[in-house]
């Protein structure tokens, strides 16, 4: 029986190139464009077609990850992006749907052959978050070392390394800080309004004349608008308050006071699609990408983007999906869209 099971497993592996043998397109790291790849576009609610918050920025031969929501590593693996290309992680804040897969990024990049500690940038609290994941996954690394040997598992490089940023952010929603300047890539962290989460951070990436901004979770804020100024791409937090309002009323009617309270609380610290569109207009952004979709199960409904086209033409925005690839060629102002995974 066990031999038959083993043969069946080997057969399954051989027949499963989508995850066992996936390879990223050869041009993804060719240095001809700044690239944005969505690896998680859901909010905290479950969605079988989407991971939680995760955006990949590719500049030259290196990739940087903004947030590591649950299931996001699986999407990166499905796209065939090598773990050894990931040079750093940027966390916007510490809600679970933004950090849930941090341990998987630690383990998977280690197994892929990472030869140094992986830096994880984040606001106050980053050291305890990173040390918690290191502690939780330390025994995993030791077991893998015992099984695979030191040629495969480098314990000295296994850990994540906390990089605290925003020490000067005092909650006034007016500060920014250049936190990385490497190989022509400049990364700026800036305060966003996700009160009572203080500080919460958005990130701007500038490389060879092209730029991309990831809001993290944010309500309307002049600091967000200023730091998104003339960016080629704005990847925006998005909550459809009209749909959430309907769900909240249904929860009240059903006598579910707990859910009703939560649903009543969340709209005031997220951007609605219309607010995101106004922000993109005010900042003169090239392409607005809706992500962190709440509720993502309704993202294809006209109700989700109700009112957006009255603010911003349809050519200026797109509803994000896991695997959306956006290329910003360094030799011009073009914005190209393609897909590394099927649309949900």
Protein backbone atom coordinates (compact mmCIF):
# COMPACT_ATOMS: atom_id res chain seq x y z
CA UNK A 1 0.00 0.00 0.00
CA UNK A 2 2.79 2.42 0.92
CA UNK A 3 4.68 1.69 -2.31
CA UNK A 4 1.53 2.44 -4.33
CA UNK A 5 1.05 5.70 -2.46
CA UNK A 6 4.65 6.71 -3.14
CA UNK A 7 4.31 5.96 -6.85
CA UNK A 8 1.09 7.97 -6.95
CA UNK A 9 2.81 10.89 -5.24
CA UNK A 10 5.71 10.83 -7.74
CA UNK A 11 3.23 10.72 -10.61
CA UNK A 12 1.37 13.71 -9.16
CA UNK A 13 4.59 15.69 -8.84
CA UNK A 14 5.54 14.99 -12.43
CA UNK A 15 2.12 16.08 -13.64
CA UNK A 16 1.97 19.31 -11.63
CA UNK A 17 4.18 21.90 -13.36
CA UNK A 18 1.95 24.75 -12.21
CA UNK A 19 3.48 24.62 -8.74
CA UNK A 20 6.35 22.11 -8.81
CA UNK A 21 8.12 23.50 -11.88
CA UNK A 22 6.80 27.06 -12.25
CA UNK A 23 9.29 29.52 -13.69
CA UNK A 24 8.95 33.27 -13.82
CA UNK A 25 9.16 34.89 -17.27
CA UNK A 26 12.78 35.41 -18.29
CA UNK A 27 12.36 39.17 -18.67
CA UNK A 28 11.02 39.79 -15.16
CA UNK A 29 14.49 40.63 -13.82
CA UNK A 30 16.08 42.03 -16.98
CA UNK A 31 16.40 45.57 -15.61
CA UNK A 32 14.44 47.12 -18.48
CA UNK A 33 11.50 48.24 -16.34
CA UNK A 34 10.36 48.89 -12.81
CA UNK A 35 7.79 46.17 -12.21
CA UNK A 36 4.83 45.79 -9.88
CA UNK A 37 3.38 42.33 -9.30
CA UNK A 38 0.35 41.74 -7.07
CA UNK A 39 0.77 38.64 -4.90
CA UNK A 40 -2.19 39.20 -2.57
CA UNK A 41 -5.24 41.39 -3.21
CA UNK A 42 -7.78 40.28 -0.61
CA UNK A 43 -8.60 41.97 2.65
CA UNK A 44 -8.93 39.90 5.83
CA UNK A 45 -12.05 38.01 4.69
CA UNK A 46 -11.46 34.56 3.12
CA UNK A 47 -11.34 34.32 -0.66
CA UNK A 48 -10.26 31.07 -2.38
CA UNK A 49 -8.94 32.99 -5.40
CA UNK A 50 -6.89 35.63 -3.59
CA UNK A 51 -4.18 35.80 -0.94
CA UNK A 52 -4.10 38.50 1.71
CA UNK A 53 -2.15 41.75 1.22
CA UNK A 54 1.09 41.44 -0.73
CA UNK A 55 2.73 43.50 -3.47
CA UNK A 56 6.04 42.75 -5.16
CA UNK A 57 8.28 45.50 -6.54
CA UNK A 58 11.04 44.43 -8.95
CA UNK A 59 13.94 46.77 -9.68
CA UNK A 60 16.77 45.29 -11.68
CA UNK A 61 17.77 41.87 -10.36
CA UNK A 62 16.07 42.25 -6.98
CA UNK A 63 12.53 41.99 -5.68
CA UNK A 64 11.05 43.70 -2.64
CA UNK A 65 7.86 42.63 -0.90
CA UNK A 66 5.33 45.01 0.65
CA UNK A 67 3.36 43.02 3.27
CA UNK A 68 3.20 39.25 3.59
CA UNK A 69 -0.46 38.41 4.05
CA UNK A 70 -1.56 34.82 4.51
CA UNK A 71 -1.31 32.62 1.37
CA UNK A 72 0.87 35.22 -0.38
CA UNK A 73 3.94 32.97 -0.51
CA UNK A 74 1.87 30.38 -2.38
CA UNK A 75 1.03 32.95 -5.05
CA UNK A 76 4.69 33.92 -5.42
CA UNK A 77 5.57 30.24 -5.79
CA UNK A 78 2.83 29.74 -8.40
CA UNK A 79 4.35 32.60 -10.38
CA UNK A 80 7.76 30.92 -10.21
CA UNK A 81 9.52 33.90 -8.61
CA UNK A 82 12.77 32.64 -7.03
CA UNK A 83 13.08 33.17 -3.30
CA UNK A 84 16.70 34.18 -3.72
CA UNK A 85 15.58 37.28 -5.64
CA UNK A 86 13.80 38.70 -2.59
CA UNK A 87 16.12 41.31 -1.09
CA UNK A 88 13.83 42.80 1.55
CA UNK A 89 10.36 42.98 3.05
CA UNK A 90 8.48 46.18 3.94
CA UNK A 91 5.58 45.92 6.39
CA UNK A 92 3.00 48.69 6.43
CA UNK A 93 1.59 47.74 9.86
CA UNK A 94 0.98 44.63 11.92
CA UNK A 95 -2.61 43.59 11.31
CA UNK A 96 -2.67 39.84 10.73
CA UNK A 97 -3.74 40.05 7.07
CA UNK A 98 -0.51 41.95 6.35
CA UNK A 99 2.00 39.74 8.21
CA UNK A 100 0.48 36.24 8.30
CA UNK A 101 2.97 34.63 5.89
CA UNK A 102 6.13 36.29 7.23
CA UNK A 103 7.32 32.97 8.65
CA UNK A 104 6.81 31.29 5.27
CA UNK A 105 8.91 33.96 3.58
CA UNK A 106 11.61 33.26 6.17
CA UNK A 107 11.52 29.50 5.60
CA UNK A 108 11.02 29.42 1.84
CA UNK A 109 13.76 31.93 1.00
CA UNK A 110 16.11 30.06 3.33
CA UNK A 111 15.38 26.75 1.59
CA UNK A 112 15.81 28.49 -1.79
CA UNK A 113 19.40 29.33 -0.85
CA UNK A 114 19.34 32.78 0.77
CA UNK A 115 22.88 33.43 2.00
CA UNK A 116 22.25 36.27 4.47
CA UNK A 117 19.60 37.40 6.90
CA UNK A 118 16.51 38.84 5.23
CA UNK A 119 15.83 42.48 6.24
CA UNK A 120 12.28 43.31 7.30
CA UNK A 121 11.47 47.03 7.50
CA UNK A 122 8.61 48.30 9.61
CA UNK A 123 7.41 50.84 12.18
CA UNK A 124 7.56 50.71 15.95
CA UNK A 125 6.95 47.13 17.07
CA UNK A 126 8.90 45.55 14.19
CA UNK A 127 11.54 44.04 16.48
CA UNK A 128 9.04 42.06 18.54
CA UNK A 129 7.12 40.94 15.44
CA UNK A 130 10.28 39.75 13.67
CA UNK A 131 11.69 38.05 16.74
CA UNK A 132 8.37 36.29 17.27
CA UNK A 133 8.44 34.79 13.77
CA UNK A 134 12.13 33.91 14.13
CA UNK A 135 11.39 32.11 17.39
CA UNK A 136 8.39 30.30 15.96
CA UNK A 137 10.34 29.05 12.92
CA UNK A 138 13.72 28.35 14.55
CA UNK A 139 12.98 24.70 15.27
CA UNK A 140 11.73 24.26 11.72
CA UNK A 141 15.15 25.39 10.42
CA UNK A 142 16.97 23.03 12.76
CA UNK A 143 14.86 20.10 11.63
CA UNK A 144 15.53 20.95 7.98
CA UNK A 145 19.25 21.23 8.68
CA UNK A 146 19.23 17.77 10.25
CA UNK A 147 17.39 16.39 7.22
CA UNK A 148 19.04 18.18 4.30
CA UNK A 149 22.46 19.16 5.65
CA UNK A 150 24.44 22.39 5.85
CA UNK A 151 24.91 22.60 2.07
CA UNK A 152 21.18 23.28 1.79
CA UNK A 153 20.25 24.93 5.10
CA UNK A 154 22.38 27.85 6.27
CA UNK A 155 21.36 28.49 9.87
CA UNK A 156 23.50 31.63 10.09
CA UNK A 157 21.41 33.18 7.31
CA UNK A 158 18.06 31.74 8.37
CA UNK A 159 16.74 34.58 10.49
CA UNK A 160 14.78 37.64 9.50
CA UNK A 161 16.48 40.90 10.52
CA UNK A 162 14.34 43.73 11.88
CA UNK A 163 14.95 47.23 10.49
CA UNK A 164 12.99 49.80 12.49
CA UNK A 165 11.87 52.87 10.54
CA UNK A 166 9.74 55.90 11.21
CA UNK A 167 11.34 56.80 14.53
CA UNK A 168 10.47 60.42 13.82
CA UNK A 169 6.86 59.69 12.90
CA UNK A 170 4.71 61.18 15.67
CA UNK A 171 1.27 60.49 14.29
CA UNK A 172 0.86 63.89 12.69
CA UNK A 173 0.43 62.30 9.24
CA UNK A 174 2.99 64.64 7.73
CA UNK A 175 6.29 62.77 7.79
CA UNK A 176 8.32 60.74 5.32
CA UNK A 177 11.75 59.10 5.45
CA UNK A 178 14.07 57.65 2.81
CA UNK A 179 14.78 54.19 4.18
CA UNK A 180 16.68 52.55 1.32
CA UNK A 181 18.92 53.90 -1.43
CA UNK A 182 20.53 51.00 -3.26
CA UNK A 183 21.48 50.28 -6.87
CA UNK A 184 19.49 53.29 -8.04
CA UNK A 185 16.37 52.29 -6.10
CA UNK A 186 15.08 54.83 -3.57
CA UNK A 187 12.40 53.73 -1.12
CA UNK A 188 10.52 56.34 0.87
CA UNK A 189 8.33 55.44 3.85
CA UNK A 190 5.55 57.86 4.76
CA UNK A 191 2.80 58.10 7.36
CA UNK A 192 -0.75 57.19 6.41
CA UNK A 193 -4.00 57.47 8.35
CA UNK A 194 -5.01 54.06 9.71
CA UNK A 195 -5.97 55.37 13.15
CA UNK A 196 -5.83 53.93 15.81
CA UNK A 197 -2.85 52.16 14.22
CA UNK A 198 -0.01 54.67 14.67
CA UNK A 199 2.22 54.80 12.83
CA UNK A 200 0.94 53.05 9.73
CA UNK A 201 3.14 53.37 6.67
CA UNK A 202 2.92 53.60 2.91
CA UNK A 203 5.90 53.14 0.61
CA UNK A 204 7.10 54.86 -2.55
CA UNK A 205 9.61 53.19 -4.90
CA UNK A 206 11.58 55.33 -7.40
CA UNK A 207 13.91 53.69 -9.92
CA UNK A 208 15.36 55.04 -13.17
CA UNK A 209 12.67 57.66 -13.64
CA UNK A 210 9.71 55.39 -12.88
CA UNK A 211 7.76 55.16 -9.64
CA UNK A 212 5.24 53.04 -7.76
CA UNK A 213 3.43 53.72 -4.48
CA UNK A 214 1.74 51.22 -2.16
CA UNK A 215 -0.64 52.81 0.33
CA UNK A 216 -0.90 50.06 2.91
CA UNK A 217 -4.16 50.50 4.80
CA UNK A 218 -5.14 54.16 4.78
CA UNK A 219 -7.98 56.63 4.91
CA UNK A 220 -7.83 59.91 3.00
CA UNK A 221 -4.70 61.86 3.86
CA UNK A 222 -2.81 64.77 2.34
CA UNK A 223 0.46 62.99 3.16
CA UNK A 224 -0.61 60.06 0.98
CA UNK A 225 -1.48 62.43 -1.86
CA UNK A 226 1.83 64.26 -1.60
CA UNK A 227 3.93 61.11 -1.54
CA UNK A 228 2.01 59.66 -4.48
CA UNK A 229 2.61 62.83 -6.51
CA UNK A 230 3.05 61.96 -10.22
CA UNK A 231 3.71 58.30 -9.47
CA UNK A 232 3.26 55.99 -12.43
CA UNK A 233 1.30 53.46 -10.35
CA UNK A 234 -0.63 53.75 -7.10
CA UNK A 235 -1.59 50.42 -5.48
CA UNK A 236 -4.39 51.44 -3.15
CA UNK A 237 -6.16 49.97 -0.17
CA UNK A 238 -9.85 49.68 -1.13
CA UNK A 239 -13.02 49.13 0.91
CA UNK A 240 -16.48 49.36 -0.65
CA UNK A 241 -18.29 51.15 2.18
CA UNK A 242 -21.66 50.80 0.43
CA UNK A 243 -21.43 46.99 0.41
CA UNK A 244 -20.05 46.82 3.94
CA UNK A 245 -22.93 49.06 5.05
CA UNK A 246 -25.44 46.59 3.64
CA UNK A 247 -23.68 43.73 5.46
CA UNK A 248 -23.70 45.74 8.68
CA UNK A 249 -27.45 46.31 8.46
CA UNK A 250 -27.96 42.59 7.81
CA UNK A 251 -25.90 41.75 10.89
CA UNK A 252 -28.01 44.10 13.00
CA UNK A 253 -31.18 42.51 11.64
CA UNK A 254 -29.88 39.04 12.46
CA UNK A 255 -29.04 40.07 16.00
CA UNK A 256 -25.30 39.55 15.49
CA UNK A 257 -24.07 42.52 17.50
CA UNK A 258 -20.41 41.49 17.37
CA UNK A 259 -20.23 41.43 13.57
CA UNK A 260 -22.37 44.55 13.37
CA UNK A 261 -19.89 46.44 15.56
CA UNK A 262 -16.88 45.30 13.54
CA UNK A 263 -18.53 46.15 10.23
CA UNK A 264 -19.51 49.59 11.54
CA UNK A 265 -15.93 50.29 12.65
CA UNK A 266 -13.89 49.43 9.57
CA UNK A 267 -14.95 51.94 6.87
CA UNK A 268 -13.41 54.96 8.60
CA UNK A 269 -9.80 53.78 8.28
CA UNK A 270 -9.82 52.56 4.70
CA UNK A 271 -10.12 54.32 1.35
CA UNK A 272 -13.33 53.80 -0.61
CA UNK A 273 -12.87 53.25 -4.36
CA UNK A 274 -14.13 56.78 -5.04
CA UNK A 275 -11.76 58.27 -2.44
CA UNK A 276 -8.86 56.33 -3.97
CA UNK A 277 -9.81 57.67 -7.40
CA UNK A 278 -9.90 61.24 -6.09
CA UNK A 279 -6.50 60.72 -4.46
CA UNK A 280 -5.07 59.41 -7.74
CA UNK A 281 -6.46 62.43 -9.58
CA UNK A 282 -5.14 64.93 -7.05
CA UNK A 283 -1.72 63.26 -7.10
CA UNK A 284 -1.68 63.05 -10.93
CA UNK A 285 -1.05 59.30 -10.83
CA UNK A 286 -0.76 57.35 -14.09
CA UNK A 287 -2.57 54.13 -13.13
CA UNK A 288 -4.64 53.43 -10.02
CA UNK A 289 -4.70 49.78 -8.94
CA UNK A 290 -7.37 48.72 -6.46
CA UNK A 291 -6.04 46.13 -4.01
CA UNK A 292 -6.72 44.95 -0.43
CA UNK A 293 -10.24 44.51 -1.76
CA UNK A 294 -12.93 44.51 0.93
CA UNK A 295 -15.06 42.54 0.36
CA UNK A 296 -13.04 40.88 -2.41
CA UNK A 297 -15.83 38.42 -3.24
CA UNK A 298 -17.80 41.42 -4.57
CA UNK A 299 -14.90 43.09 -6.40
CA UNK A 300 -16.35 42.29 -9.84
CA UNK A 301 -19.73 43.72 -8.94
CA UNK A 302 -20.61 47.16 -10.36
CA UNK A 303 -21.54 48.12 -6.80
CA UNK A 304 -17.90 47.81 -5.74
CA UNK A 305 -16.75 50.62 -8.01
CA UNK A 306 -19.98 52.60 -8.03
CA UNK A 307 -19.21 56.25 -8.70
CA UNK A 308 -15.57 55.72 -9.73
CA UNK A 309 -16.06 56.43 -13.43
CA UNK A 310 -17.69 59.75 -12.58
CA UNK A 311 -14.40 60.72 -10.92
CA UNK A 312 -11.75 59.00 -13.03
CA UNK A 313 -11.95 57.46 -16.54
CA UNK A 314 -11.89 53.67 -16.77
CA UNK A 315 -8.54 53.80 -18.59
CA UNK A 316 -6.99 55.21 -15.42
CA UNK A 317 -7.78 52.38 -13.00
CA UNK A 318 -7.90 48.61 -12.74
CA UNK A 319 -9.25 46.15 -10.17
CA UNK A 320 -6.22 44.22 -9.02
CA UNK A 321 -5.93 40.44 -8.93
CA UNK A 322 -3.24 38.07 -7.73
CA UNK A 323 -0.72 37.77 -10.54
CA UNK A 324 -1.36 41.17 -12.14
CA UNK A 325 1.95 42.35 -13.60
CA UNK A 326 2.60 45.99 -14.41
CA UNK A 327 5.72 47.01 -16.34
CA UNK A 328 7.08 50.56 -16.28
CA UNK A 329 9.80 50.61 -18.98
CA UNK A 330 12.76 52.81 -18.20
CA UNK A 331 12.94 54.14 -21.77
CA UNK A 332 9.60 55.95 -21.71
CA UNK A 333 6.32 56.60 -19.93
CA UNK A 334 4.44 53.48 -21.01
CA UNK A 335 2.45 51.42 -18.49
CA UNK A 336 1.95 47.81 -19.56
CA UNK A 337 -0.37 45.28 -17.94
CA UNK A 338 -0.25 41.49 -18.19
CA UNK A 339 -0.99 38.47 -16.00
CA UNK A 340 1.26 35.92 -14.29
CA UNK A 341 -1.76 34.05 -12.86
CA UNK A 342 -5.31 33.64 -14.16
CA UNK A 343 -7.86 36.19 -13.01
CA UNK A 344 -10.14 34.86 -10.23
